[in-house]
């Protein structure tokens, strides 16, 4: 049976969106790998699956699949794309709505000009909740790699993140360190490994090696994680522009139990049919 799909991206972090609320299509790891393959499939960093809501509070529920066939708990850029897709279908008359995802409830507000704001929830710093098996010292963790200790911050944004502060994100041994930190045994479920260059208190540059997808042109949850770790450490202000290869996100966090708010663009590229 033919199935309609949508190709979308958030700052170059690209997705295949499958709206399976009224379409029948069996998904599994093997199929997701085939779809995500850029030479023989459609090509994407992640596949978003939209399903019918599980409660009346929610407009829909969603799943996130990485390009290697693994599942992800959260995806900030993907959630913005889902928001734009639902707005395009005139399903969001008030502009604000709730989705349910693997990490819980997500509040989305569709703004003008293709901008979407997402309430990403409050950051969780407790090591056992990230999860992380190390103990922090002054809020940072010492991570041993090849006889060298790296100071990393860590947080859960519904999915696990590590962050290293660097002098220049372009000069970092990104591929090696990103993969090594992402798969480090101190993170039992793996993690997204971020590298942040602090320009000033309102601006950082960021690269993220995503668990299950390697480097992407932007990582929404990674931007939220980086900002919250740096703000908690007193290194950045309450509103930060996070610049990644694909563009800029605005991340706001007032600290404490307040949620992290992410604002940025989403783009619909084309609609196609799987036969």
C-alpha atoms as a PDB file:
ATOM      1  CA  UNK A   1       0.000   0.000   0.000  1.00  0.00           C
ATOM      2  CA  UNK A   2       1.337   3.449  -0.937  1.00  0.00           C
ATOM      3  CA  UNK A   3       2.190   5.638   2.052  1.00  0.00           C
ATOM      4  CA  UNK A   4       2.588   9.414   2.006  1.00  0.00           C
ATOM      5  CA  UNK A   5       5.667  10.884   3.699  1.00  0.00           C
ATOM      6  CA  UNK A   6       7.014  14.391   4.218  1.00  0.00           C
ATOM      7  CA  UNK A   7      10.648  15.527   4.063  1.00  0.00           C
ATOM      8  CA  UNK A   8      11.337  18.314   6.572  1.00  0.00           C
ATOM      9  CA  UNK A   9      14.241  19.897   8.395  1.00  0.00           C
ATOM     10  CA  UNK A  10      15.018  22.100  11.348  1.00  0.00           C
ATOM     11  CA  UNK A  11      18.191  24.088  10.643  1.00  0.00           C
ATOM     12  CA  UNK A  12      19.446  21.306   8.366  1.00  0.00           C
ATOM     13  CA  UNK A  13      18.740  18.504  10.855  1.00  0.00           C
ATOM     14  CA  UNK A  14      16.575  16.579   8.386  1.00  0.00           C
ATOM     15  CA  UNK A  15      13.647  14.222   8.879  1.00  0.00           C
ATOM     16  CA  UNK A  16      11.241  11.920   7.182  1.00  0.00           C
ATOM     17  CA  UNK A  17       7.823  12.440   8.773  1.00  0.00           C
ATOM     18  CA  UNK A  18       5.362   9.546   8.569  1.00  0.00           C
ATOM     19  CA  UNK A  19       1.847  10.505   9.637  1.00  0.00           C
ATOM     20  CA  UNK A  20       0.427   7.102  10.569  1.00  0.00           C
ATOM     21  CA  UNK A  21      -2.710   8.365  12.262  1.00  0.00           C
ATOM     22  CA  UNK A  22      -4.734   7.276   9.235  1.00  0.00           C
ATOM     23  CA  UNK A  23      -2.205   5.257   7.233  1.00  0.00           C
ATOM     24  CA  UNK A  24      -1.097   1.666   7.741  1.00  0.00           C
ATOM     25  CA  UNK A  25       2.668   1.154   7.647  1.00  0.00           C
ATOM     26  CA  UNK A  26       4.699  -1.281   9.735  1.00  0.00           C
ATOM     27  CA  UNK A  27       7.815   0.351  11.183  1.00  0.00           C
ATOM     28  CA  UNK A  28      10.864  -1.391  12.609  1.00  0.00           C
ATOM     29  CA  UNK A  29      14.610  -0.792  12.875  1.00  0.00           C
ATOM     30  CA  UNK A  30      15.412  -2.370   9.502  1.00  0.00           C
ATOM     31  CA  UNK A  31      12.869  -0.261   7.642  1.00  0.00           C
ATOM     32  CA  UNK A  32      14.048   2.922   9.346  1.00  0.00           C
ATOM     33  CA  UNK A  33      17.661   2.225   8.350  1.00  0.00           C
ATOM     34  CA  UNK A  34      16.556   1.711   4.736  1.00  0.00           C
ATOM     35  CA  UNK A  35      14.537   4.935   4.675  1.00  0.00           C
ATOM     36  CA  UNK A  36      17.326   6.986   6.267  1.00  0.00           C
ATOM     37  CA  UNK A  37      20.076   5.772   3.908  1.00  0.00           C
ATOM     38  CA  UNK A  38      21.032   8.763   1.757  1.00  0.00           C
ATOM     39  CA  UNK A  39      22.236   6.812  -1.294  1.00  0.00           C
ATOM     40  CA  UNK A  40      19.597   4.093  -1.592  1.00  0.00           C
ATOM     41  CA  UNK A  41      16.715   5.476   0.479  1.00  0.00           C
ATOM     42  CA  UNK A  42      15.109   8.870   1.007  1.00  0.00           C
ATOM     43  CA  UNK A  43      17.816  10.018   3.409  1.00  0.00           C
ATOM     44  CA  UNK A  44      17.546  11.699   6.804  1.00  0.00           C
ATOM     45  CA  UNK A  45      19.061  12.050  10.255  1.00  0.00           C
ATOM     46  CA  UNK A  46      15.890  10.810  11.986  1.00  0.00           C
ATOM     47  CA  UNK A  47      12.449   9.465  11.121  1.00  0.00           C
ATOM     48  CA  UNK A  48       9.449  11.016  12.903  1.00  0.00           C
ATOM     49  CA  UNK A  49       6.351   8.870  13.303  1.00  0.00           C
ATOM     50  CA  UNK A  50       3.087  10.611  14.121  1.00  0.00           C
ATOM     51  CA  UNK A  51       0.335   8.541  15.744  1.00  0.00           C
ATOM     52  CA  UNK A  52      -3.117   9.130  17.188  1.00  0.00           C
ATOM     53  CA  UNK A  53      -3.204  10.741  20.657  1.00  0.00           C
ATOM     54  CA  UNK A  54      -3.320   8.516  23.704  1.00  0.00           C
ATOM     55  CA  UNK A  55      -5.291  11.093  25.733  1.00  0.00           C
ATOM     56  CA  UNK A  56      -7.724  13.892  24.931  1.00  0.00           C
ATOM     57  CA  UNK A  57      -5.145  16.421  26.185  1.00  0.00           C
ATOM     58  CA  UNK A  58      -2.890  15.765  23.220  1.00  0.00           C
ATOM     59  CA  UNK A  59      -3.258  16.555  19.545  1.00  0.00           C
ATOM     60  CA  UNK A  60      -1.101  13.559  18.600  1.00  0.00           C
ATOM     61  CA  UNK A  61       1.669  11.310  19.864  1.00  0.00           C
ATOM     62  CA  UNK A  62       5.048  10.800  18.216  1.00  0.00           C
ATOM     63  CA  UNK A  63       8.069   8.511  17.977  1.00  0.00           C
ATOM     64  CA  UNK A  64      11.650   9.340  16.964  1.00  0.00           C
ATOM     65  CA  UNK A  65      13.865   6.810  15.169  1.00  0.00           C
ATOM     66  CA  UNK A  66      17.574   7.451  14.545  1.00  0.00           C
ATOM     67  CA  UNK A  67      19.225   6.689  11.217  1.00  0.00           C
ATOM     68  CA  UNK A  68      20.871   3.584  12.717  1.00  0.00           C
ATOM     69  CA  UNK A  69      17.464   2.122  13.604  1.00  0.00           C
ATOM     70  CA  UNK A  70      17.629   2.938  17.315  1.00  0.00           C
ATOM     71  CA  UNK A  71      14.942   4.900  19.147  1.00  0.00           C
ATOM     72  CA  UNK A  72      15.396   8.396  20.604  1.00  0.00           C
ATOM     73  CA  UNK A  73      13.517   9.818  23.583  1.00  0.00           C
ATOM     74  CA  UNK A  74      13.526  13.454  22.492  1.00  0.00           C
ATOM     75  CA  UNK A  75      14.236  15.575  19.408  1.00  0.00           C
ATOM     76  CA  UNK A  76      13.850  19.350  19.598  1.00  0.00           C
ATOM     77  CA  UNK A  77      14.249  20.030  15.883  1.00  0.00           C
ATOM     78  CA  UNK A  78      11.922  17.161  15.069  1.00  0.00           C
ATOM     79  CA  UNK A  79       9.224  18.432  17.417  1.00  0.00           C
ATOM     80  CA  UNK A  80       9.337  21.845  15.717  1.00  0.00           C
ATOM     81  CA  UNK A  81       8.872  20.119  12.349  1.00  0.00           C
ATOM     82  CA  UNK A  82       5.873  18.204  13.692  1.00  0.00           C
ATOM     83  CA  UNK A  83       4.468  21.517  14.908  1.00  0.00           C
ATOM     84  CA  UNK A  84       4.844  23.099  11.468  1.00  0.00           C
ATOM     85  CA  UNK A  85       3.324  20.043   9.769  1.00  0.00           C
ATOM     86  CA  UNK A  86       0.235  20.135  11.975  1.00  0.00           C
ATOM     87  CA  UNK A  87      -0.087  23.884  11.427  1.00  0.00           C
ATOM     88  CA  UNK A  88       0.113  23.358   7.648  1.00  0.00           C
ATOM     89  CA  UNK A  89      -2.804  20.941   7.970  1.00  0.00           C
ATOM     90  CA  UNK A  90      -4.842  23.570   9.875  1.00  0.00           C
ATOM     91  CA  UNK A  91      -4.974  21.299  12.932  1.00  0.00           C
ATOM     92  CA  UNK A  92      -3.715  24.017  15.302  1.00  0.00           C
ATOM     93  CA  UNK A  93      -6.276  26.860  15.218  1.00  0.00           C
ATOM     94  CA  UNK A  94      -5.120  28.293  18.558  1.00  0.00           C
ATOM     95  CA  UNK A  95      -1.450  28.055  17.618  1.00  0.00           C
ATOM     96  CA  UNK A  96      -0.616  26.231  20.854  1.00  0.00           C
ATOM     97  CA  UNK A  97      -1.079  22.528  21.533  1.00  0.00           C
ATOM     98  CA  UNK A  98       0.288  19.470  23.335  1.00  0.00           C
ATOM     99  CA  UNK A  99       1.953  16.351  21.973  1.00  0.00           C
ATOM    100  CA  UNK A 100       2.912  13.187  23.831  1.00  0.00           C
ATOM    101  CA  UNK A 101       6.294  11.651  23.101  1.00  0.00           C
ATOM    102  CA  UNK A 102       8.722   9.062  24.476  1.00  0.00           C
ATOM    103  CA  UNK A 103      10.000  11.533  27.123  1.00  0.00           C
ATOM    104  CA  UNK A 104       6.535  12.806  28.078  1.00  0.00           C
ATOM    105  CA  UNK A 105       4.372  15.792  27.230  1.00  0.00           C
ATOM    106  CA  UNK A 106       5.620  18.561  24.914  1.00  0.00           C
ATOM    107  CA  UNK A 107       3.977  21.990  24.546  1.00  0.00           C
ATOM    108  CA  UNK A 108       4.321  23.649  21.143  1.00  0.00           C
ATOM    109  CA  UNK A 109       3.474  27.166  19.977  1.00  0.00           C
ATOM    110  CA  UNK A 110       3.451  27.961  16.253  1.00  0.00           C
ATOM    111  CA  UNK A 111       4.612  31.520  15.588  1.00  0.00           C
ATOM    112  CA  UNK A 112       4.756  33.644  12.443  1.00  0.00           C
ATOM    113  CA  UNK A 113       7.290  33.097   9.682  1.00  0.00           C
ATOM    114  CA  UNK A 114       7.751  29.372  10.178  1.00  0.00           C
ATOM    115  CA  UNK A 115       9.092  29.865  13.706  1.00  0.00           C
ATOM    116  CA  UNK A 116       8.061  27.333  16.338  1.00  0.00           C
ATOM    117  CA  UNK A 117       8.543  27.572  20.105  1.00  0.00           C
ATOM    118  CA  UNK A 118       8.788  24.420  22.184  1.00  0.00           C
ATOM    119  CA  UNK A 119       8.567  24.000  25.936  1.00  0.00           C
ATOM    120  CA  UNK A 120      11.281  21.371  26.372  1.00  0.00           C
ATOM    121  CA  UNK A 121      10.586  20.809  30.066  1.00  0.00           C
ATOM    122  CA  UNK A 122      12.943  21.365  32.955  1.00  0.00           C
ATOM    123  CA  UNK A 123      16.520  20.099  32.734  1.00  0.00           C
ATOM    124  CA  UNK A 124      17.372  17.235  35.098  1.00  0.00           C
ATOM    125  CA  UNK A 125      20.896  17.273  36.498  1.00  0.00           C
ATOM    126  CA  UNK A 126      20.770  14.302  38.895  1.00  0.00           C
ATOM    127  CA  UNK A 127      23.322  11.762  37.687  1.00  0.00           C
ATOM    128  CA  UNK A 128      21.072   8.748  38.211  1.00  0.00           C
ATOM    129  CA  UNK A 129      18.365  10.355  36.062  1.00  0.00           C
ATOM    130  CA  UNK A 130      20.621  11.182  33.092  1.00  0.00           C
ATOM    131  CA  UNK A 131      21.784   8.336  33.599  1.00  0.00           C
ATOM    132  CA  UNK A 132      25.463   8.701  34.471  1.00  0.00           C
ATOM    133  CA  UNK A 133      27.526   6.519  36.820  1.00  0.00           C
ATOM    134  CA  UNK A 134      30.040   9.207  37.855  1.00  0.00           C
ATOM    135  CA  UNK A 135      29.842  11.659  40.770  1.00  0.00           C
ATOM    136  CA  UNK A 136      30.094  15.398  40.058  1.00  0.00           C
ATOM    137  CA  UNK A 137      32.674  17.765  41.513  1.00  0.00           C
ATOM    138  CA  UNK A 138      31.436  21.370  41.579  1.00  0.00           C
ATOM    139  CA  UNK A 139      28.808  20.437  39.002  1.00  0.00           C
ATOM    140  CA  UNK A 140      31.239  18.873  36.494  1.00  0.00           C
ATOM    141  CA  UNK A 141      32.318  15.297  35.821  1.00  0.00           C
ATOM    142  CA  UNK A 142      35.796  13.962  35.102  1.00  0.00           C
ATOM    143  CA  UNK A 143      35.561  11.606  32.118  1.00  0.00           C
ATOM    144  CA  UNK A 144      38.619   9.472  31.386  1.00  0.00           C
ATOM    145  CA  UNK A 145      39.496   8.875  27.734  1.00  0.00           C
ATOM    146  CA  UNK A 146      42.838   7.432  26.616  1.00  0.00           C
ATOM    147  CA  UNK A 147      44.674   8.543  29.775  1.00  0.00           C
ATOM    148  CA  UNK A 148      43.241  12.053  29.550  1.00  0.00           C
ATOM    149  CA  UNK A 149      40.522  13.430  31.817  1.00  0.00           C
ATOM    150  CA  UNK A 150      37.898  15.645  30.194  1.00  0.00           C
ATOM    151  CA  UNK A 151      35.668  17.913  32.270  1.00  0.00           C
ATOM    152  CA  UNK A 152      32.118  17.480  31.091  1.00  0.00           C
ATOM    153  CA  UNK A 153      28.734  18.786  32.122  1.00  0.00           C
ATOM    154  CA  UNK A 154      25.756  16.464  31.901  1.00  0.00           C
ATOM    155  CA  UNK A 155      21.981  16.800  31.894  1.00  0.00           C
ATOM    156  CA  UNK A 156      18.843  15.028  30.767  1.00  0.00           C
ATOM    157  CA  UNK A 157      16.470  16.905  28.483  1.00  0.00           C
ATOM    158  CA  UNK A 158      14.360  13.758  28.270  1.00  0.00           C
ATOM    159  CA  UNK A 159      17.448  12.228  26.636  1.00  0.00           C
ATOM    160  CA  UNK A 160      21.042  12.126  27.966  1.00  0.00           C
ATOM    161  CA  UNK A 161      23.561  14.849  27.076  1.00  0.00           C
ATOM    162  CA  UNK A 162      27.216  15.534  27.829  1.00  0.00           C
ATOM    163  CA  UNK A 163      28.937  18.858  27.164  1.00  0.00           C
ATOM    164  CA  UNK A 164      32.586  19.871  26.818  1.00  0.00           C
ATOM    165  CA  UNK A 165      33.542  23.565  26.785  1.00  0.00           C
ATOM    166  CA  UNK A 166      36.193  24.240  24.119  1.00  0.00           C
ATOM    167  CA  UNK A 167      38.111  27.250  22.840  1.00  0.00           C
ATOM    168  CA  UNK A 168      37.148  26.656  19.194  1.00  0.00           C
ATOM    169  CA  UNK A 169      34.512  24.167  18.014  1.00  0.00           C
ATOM    170  CA  UNK A 170      36.216  23.933  14.611  1.00  0.00           C
ATOM    171  CA  UNK A 171      39.588  23.017  16.088  1.00  0.00           C
ATOM    172  CA  UNK A 172      38.227  20.249  18.331  1.00  0.00           C
ATOM    173  CA  UNK A 173      38.964  16.598  17.493  1.00  0.00           C
ATOM    174  CA  UNK A 174      35.233  16.350  17.069  1.00  0.00           C
ATOM    175  CA  UNK A 175      34.698  13.010  15.336  1.00  0.00           C
ATOM    176  CA  UNK A 176      36.930  11.083  17.692  1.00  0.00           C
ATOM    177  CA  UNK A 177      35.837  12.767  20.934  1.00  0.00           C
ATOM    178  CA  UNK A 178      32.169  12.898  19.967  1.00  0.00           C
ATOM    179  CA  UNK A 179      31.989   9.171  19.285  1.00  0.00           C
ATOM    180  CA  UNK A 180      34.084   8.290  22.348  1.00  0.00           C
ATOM    181  CA  UNK A 181      32.006  10.380  24.763  1.00  0.00           C
ATOM    182  CA  UNK A 182      28.708   9.312  23.197  1.00  0.00           C
ATOM    183  CA  UNK A 183      29.580   5.644  23.780  1.00  0.00           C
ATOM    184  CA  UNK A 184      31.484   6.019  27.059  1.00  0.00           C
ATOM    185  CA  UNK A 185      30.530   3.324  29.598  1.00  0.00           C
ATOM    186  CA  UNK A 186      29.872   6.020  32.215  1.00  0.00           C
ATOM    187  CA  UNK A 187      26.679   6.717  30.225  1.00  0.00           C
ATOM    188  CA  UNK A 188      24.812   3.381  30.380  1.00  0.00           C
ATOM    189  CA  UNK A 189      22.345   4.460  27.679  1.00  0.00           C
ATOM    190  CA  UNK A 190      24.886   6.450  25.658  1.00  0.00           C
ATOM    191  CA  UNK A 191      24.523  10.211  25.221  1.00  0.00           C
ATOM    192  CA  UNK A 192      24.559  13.099  22.793  1.00  0.00           C
ATOM    193  CA  UNK A 193      28.005  14.687  23.045  1.00  0.00           C
ATOM    194  CA  UNK A 194      28.094  18.470  22.674  1.00  0.00           C
ATOM    195  CA  UNK A 195      31.050  20.839  22.290  1.00  0.00           C
ATOM    196  CA  UNK A 196      30.413  24.494  23.127  1.00  0.00           C
ATOM    197  CA  UNK A 197      32.475  27.594  22.392  1.00  0.00           C
ATOM    198  CA  UNK A 198      31.317  30.523  24.511  1.00  0.00           C
ATOM    199  CA  UNK A 199      31.425  33.734  22.461  1.00  0.00           C
ATOM    200  CA  UNK A 200      29.874  35.890  25.195  1.00  0.00           C
ATOM    201  CA  UNK A 201      27.134  35.535  27.817  1.00  0.00           C
ATOM    202  CA  UNK A 202      24.396  35.606  25.188  1.00  0.00           C
ATOM    203  CA  UNK A 203      26.031  33.624  22.395  1.00  0.00           C
ATOM    204  CA  UNK A 204      27.622  30.204  22.007  1.00  0.00           C
ATOM    205  CA  UNK A 205      28.732  28.079  19.062  1.00  0.00           C
ATOM    206  CA  UNK A 206      27.852  24.404  19.287  1.00  0.00           C
ATOM    207  CA  UNK A 207      28.519  21.088  17.587  1.00  0.00           C
ATOM    208  CA  UNK A 208      26.752  17.902  18.650  1.00  0.00           C
ATOM    209  CA  UNK A 209      27.569  14.258  17.975  1.00  0.00           C
ATOM    210  CA  UNK A 210      24.132  12.670  18.252  1.00  0.00           C
ATOM    211  CA  UNK A 211      23.718   9.197  19.676  1.00  0.00           C
ATOM    212  CA  UNK A 212      22.501   6.997  16.836  1.00  0.00           C
ATOM    213  CA  UNK A 213      23.065   9.585  14.088  1.00  0.00           C
ATOM    214  CA  UNK A 214      26.618  11.060  14.457  1.00  0.00           C
ATOM    215  CA  UNK A 215      26.991  14.811  13.767  1.00  0.00           C
ATOM    216  CA  UNK A 216      23.924  16.678  12.547  1.00  0.00           C
ATOM    217  CA  UNK A 217      23.749  20.248  11.279  1.00  0.00           C
ATOM    218  CA  UNK A 218      21.736  21.164  14.369  1.00  0.00           C
ATOM    219  CA  UNK A 219      20.507  19.460  17.531  1.00  0.00           C
ATOM    220  CA  UNK A 220      17.594  21.095  19.350  1.00  0.00           C
ATOM    221  CA  UNK A 221      17.766  19.124  22.584  1.00  0.00           C
ATOM    222  CA  UNK A 222      21.567  19.496  22.450  1.00  0.00           C
ATOM    223  CA  UNK A 223      21.219  23.290  22.277  1.00  0.00           C
ATOM    224  CA  UNK A 224      18.884  23.217  25.288  1.00  0.00           C
ATOM    225  CA  UNK A 225      21.266  20.933  27.163  1.00  0.00           C
ATOM    226  CA  UNK A 226      24.299  23.102  26.439  1.00  0.00           C
ATOM    227  CA  UNK A 227      22.556  26.307  27.482  1.00  0.00           C
ATOM    228  CA  UNK A 228      21.176  24.810  30.712  1.00  0.00           C
ATOM    229  CA  UNK A 229      24.543  23.338  31.735  1.00  0.00           C
ATOM    230  CA  UNK A 230      26.355  26.614  31.027  1.00  0.00           C
ATOM    231  CA  UNK A 231      23.680  28.757  32.697  1.00  0.00           C
ATOM    232  CA  UNK A 232      23.697  26.582  35.811  1.00  0.00           C
ATOM    233  CA  UNK A 233      27.471  27.043  35.933  1.00  0.00           C
ATOM    234  CA  UNK A 234      27.061  30.845  35.692  1.00  0.00           C
ATOM    235  CA  UNK A 235      28.794  31.040  32.316  1.00  0.00           C
ATOM    236  CA  UNK A 236      25.900  32.376  30.194  1.00  0.00           C
ATOM    237  CA  UNK A 237      22.809  34.523  30.647  1.00  0.00           C
ATOM    238  CA  UNK A 238      19.140  33.485  30.761  1.00  0.00           C
ATOM    239  CA  UNK A 239      18.673  33.944  27.009  1.00  0.00           C
ATOM    240  CA  UNK A 240      21.285  32.506  24.654  1.00  0.00           C
ATOM    241  CA  UNK A 241      21.624  32.382  20.882  1.00  0.00           C
ATOM    242  CA  UNK A 242      23.021  28.954  20.012  1.00  0.00           C
ATOM    243  CA  UNK A 243      24.691  28.908  16.595  1.00  0.00           C
ATOM    244  CA  UNK A 244      25.190  25.566  14.870  1.00  0.00           C
ATOM    245  CA  UNK A 245      26.169  24.649  11.327  1.00  0.00           C
ATOM    246  CA  UNK A 246      22.535  24.853  10.195  1.00  0.00           C
ATOM    247  CA  UNK A 247      21.695  28.163  11.850  1.00  0.00           C
ATOM    248  CA  UNK A 248      20.561  29.749  15.082  1.00  0.00           C
ATOM    249  CA  UNK A 249      18.249  28.741  17.938  1.00  0.00           C
ATOM    250  CA  UNK A 250      17.134  30.963  20.806  1.00  0.00           C
ATOM    251  CA  UNK A 251      17.195  29.122  24.130  1.00  0.00           C
ATOM    252  CA  UNK A 252      15.733  30.631  27.308  1.00  0.00           C
ATOM    253  CA  UNK A 253      15.908  29.231  30.832  1.00  0.00           C
ATOM    254  CA  UNK A 254      15.207  31.120  34.061  1.00  0.00           C
ATOM    255  CA  UNK A 255      16.811  28.389  36.160  1.00  0.00           C
ATOM    256  CA  UNK A 256      15.400  26.180  38.903  1.00  0.00           C
ATOM    257  CA  UNK A 257      12.243  24.247  38.042  1.00  0.00           C
ATOM    258  CA  UNK A 258      11.400  26.487  35.089  1.00  0.00           C
ATOM    259  CA  UNK A 259      11.209  24.846  31.654  1.00  0.00           C
ATOM    260  CA  UNK A 260      13.747  25.424  28.906  1.00  0.00           C
ATOM    261  CA  UNK A 261      12.137  27.262  25.990  1.00  0.00           C
ATOM    262  CA  UNK A 262      13.481  26.725  22.472  1.00  0.00           C
ATOM    263  CA  UNK A 263      12.541  28.937  19.512  1.00  0.00           C
ATOM    264  CA  UNK A 264      13.633  28.325  15.939  1.00  0.00           C
ATOM    265  CA  UNK A 265      12.537  27.610  12.373  1.00  0.00           C
ATOM    266  CA  UNK A 266      11.104  24.501  10.762  1.00  0.00           C
ATOM    267  CA  UNK A 267      10.933  23.870   7.024  1.00  0.00           C
ATOM    268  CA  UNK A 268       8.777  21.600   4.864  1.00  0.00           C
ATOM    269  CA  UNK A 269      10.809  20.450   1.847  1.00  0.00           C
ATOM    270  CA  UNK A 270       8.527  18.136  -0.108  1.00  0.00           C
ATOM    271  CA  UNK A 271       5.807  15.491   0.057  1.00  0.00           C
ATOM    272  CA  UNK A 272       6.325  12.060  -1.487  1.00  0.00           C
ATOM    273  CA  UNK A 273       4.861   8.572  -1.696  1.00  0.00           C
ATOM    274  CA  UNK A 274       6.416   5.300  -0.582  1.00  0.00           C
ATOM    275  CA  UNK A 275       5.361   2.483  -2.899  1.00  0.00           C
END
